[in-house]
Amino acid sequence: MQKSVILTSFLLLNLSVNLIFSLSAGAQTQSAINLPADDQAEEILRAEIYTEARSPVDGRFLSAKEYVELQEDLGKLDGATAAFLVSPKLRELIELLKLRRTIRQIIPFLP
């Protein structure tokens, strides 16, 4: 008698837990179906052609033509040596910091 009562209560508990999970999953599915109108599919966004862009230099908005021109100008700078882009005083400071880092690896207790 006790075994049947325990088995029945276990089955009722299992049934109620399954029912709760199925209802909550149905609510999540329903909320996923009702997407806002502003939300676009990722495939559409990937295929979209950009007509405006931000400058990587100062962050201002550029048209597509200005952005291409800026990218070409920056591409020309890639071939320039660091001597034209960094001041001599700053280059010297960088070299001294590299030297200090190397020495600290050999003698770690120096300040």
Protein backbone atom coordinates (compact mmCIF):
# COMPACT_ATOMS: atom_id res chain seq x y z
CA MET A 1 0.00 0.00 0.00
CA GLN A 2 2.75 2.46 0.97
CA LYS A 3 4.75 1.67 -2.14
CA SER A 4 1.81 2.49 -4.38
CA VAL A 5 1.23 5.80 -2.56
CA ILE A 6 4.91 6.71 -2.90
CA LEU A 7 4.92 5.70 -6.55
CA THR A 8 1.74 7.70 -7.25
CA SER A 9 3.10 10.81 -5.50
CA PHE A 10 6.38 10.46 -7.41
CA LEU A 11 4.54 10.21 -10.73
CA LEU A 12 2.35 13.23 -9.90
CA LEU A 13 5.44 15.24 -8.94
CA ASN A 14 7.20 14.23 -12.15
CA LEU A 15 4.13 15.13 -14.21
CA SER A 16 3.81 18.55 -12.55
CA VAL A 17 7.52 19.34 -13.06
CA ASN A 18 7.27 18.37 -16.74
CA LEU A 19 4.17 20.51 -17.14
CA ILE A 20 5.89 23.54 -15.55
CA PHE A 21 8.95 23.15 -17.78
CA SER A 22 6.87 22.77 -20.93
CA LEU A 23 4.84 25.89 -20.06
CA SER A 24 7.95 27.94 -19.40
CA ALA A 25 9.57 26.70 -22.64
CA GLY A 26 6.41 27.64 -24.52
CA ALA A 27 6.52 31.14 -23.04
CA GLN A 28 10.16 31.54 -24.08
CA THR A 29 9.38 30.35 -27.60
CA GLN A 30 6.45 32.74 -27.83
CA SER A 31 8.63 35.68 -26.73
CA ALA A 32 11.28 34.68 -29.29
CA ILE A 33 8.68 34.64 -32.07
CA ASN A 34 7.42 38.15 -31.26
CA LEU A 35 10.60 40.01 -32.20
CA PRO A 36 10.52 43.78 -32.31
CA ALA A 37 10.11 45.37 -35.74
CA ASP A 38 13.56 47.03 -35.54
CA ASP A 39 15.38 43.72 -35.16
CA GLN A 40 16.83 42.55 -38.50
CA ALA A 41 18.27 39.18 -39.37
CA GLU A 42 22.05 38.84 -39.26
CA GLU A 43 22.19 37.75 -42.90
CA ILE A 44 20.54 40.99 -43.98
CA LEU A 45 22.90 43.09 -41.87
CA ARG A 46 25.96 41.33 -43.31
CA ALA A 47 24.84 42.02 -46.88
CA GLU A 48 24.07 45.70 -46.17
CA ILE A 49 26.21 48.25 -48.02
CA TYR A 50 27.58 50.94 -45.74
CA THR A 51 27.29 54.49 -47.03
CA GLU A 52 28.73 56.20 -43.94
CA ALA A 53 31.72 55.37 -41.81
CA ARG A 54 33.73 56.77 -38.93
CA SER A 55 37.26 58.00 -39.32
CA PRO A 56 39.80 55.76 -37.56
CA VAL A 57 41.88 58.88 -36.88
CA ASP A 58 39.48 61.19 -35.08
CA GLY A 59 36.10 59.39 -35.08
CA ARG A 60 34.14 61.89 -37.17
CA PHE A 61 31.57 60.71 -39.71
CA LEU A 62 32.77 60.36 -43.30
CA SER A 63 31.04 59.61 -46.55
CA ALA A 64 32.04 56.46 -48.44
CA LYS A 65 34.25 58.47 -50.83
CA GLU A 66 36.05 60.30 -47.99
CA TYR A 67 36.56 57.01 -46.16
CA VAL A 68 38.18 55.36 -49.21
CA GLU A 69 40.46 58.38 -49.69
CA LEU A 70 41.47 58.29 -46.03
CA GLN A 71 42.22 54.55 -46.24
CA GLU A 72 44.42 55.16 -49.30
CA ASP A 73 46.30 57.94 -47.49
CA LEU A 74 46.80 55.70 -44.45
CA GLY A 75 47.96 52.89 -46.75
CA LYS A 76 50.67 55.18 -48.10
CA LEU A 77 51.87 55.77 -44.54
CA ASP A 78 52.37 52.03 -43.98
CA GLY A 79 55.46 52.13 -46.19
CA ALA A 80 56.95 55.08 -44.26
CA THR A 81 59.65 54.38 -41.73
CA ALA A 82 59.15 54.97 -38.04
CA ALA A 83 61.64 57.83 -38.18
CA PHE A 84 59.06 60.03 -39.89
CA LEU A 85 56.21 59.09 -37.58
CA VAL A 86 57.88 59.26 -34.15
CA SER A 87 59.92 62.12 -32.78
CA PRO A 88 63.61 61.40 -32.03
CA LYS A 89 63.14 62.16 -28.32
CA LEU A 90 60.28 59.67 -28.04
CA ARG A 91 62.26 57.03 -29.97
CA GLU A 92 65.15 57.45 -27.53
CA LEU A 93 62.79 57.06 -24.56
CA ILE A 94 61.33 53.87 -26.04
CA GLU A 95 64.81 52.41 -26.59
CA LEU A 96 65.77 53.22 -22.98
CA LEU A 97 62.62 51.54 -21.68
CA LYS A 98 63.38 48.43 -23.74
CA LEU A 99 66.93 48.41 -22.35
CA ARG A 100 65.60 48.79 -18.79
CA ARG A 101 63.17 45.88 -19.28
CA THR A 102 66.02 43.67 -20.55
CA ILE A 103 68.25 44.57 -17.60
CA ARG A 104 65.42 43.93 -15.11
CA GLN A 105 65.06 40.40 -16.51
CA ILE A 106 68.71 39.74 -15.75
CA ILE A 107 68.86 41.59 -12.41
CA PRO A 108 65.30 41.68 -11.04
CA PHE A 109 66.05 43.37 -7.70
CA LEU A 110 67.13 46.70 -9.25
CA PRO A 111 64.57 49.54 -9.06
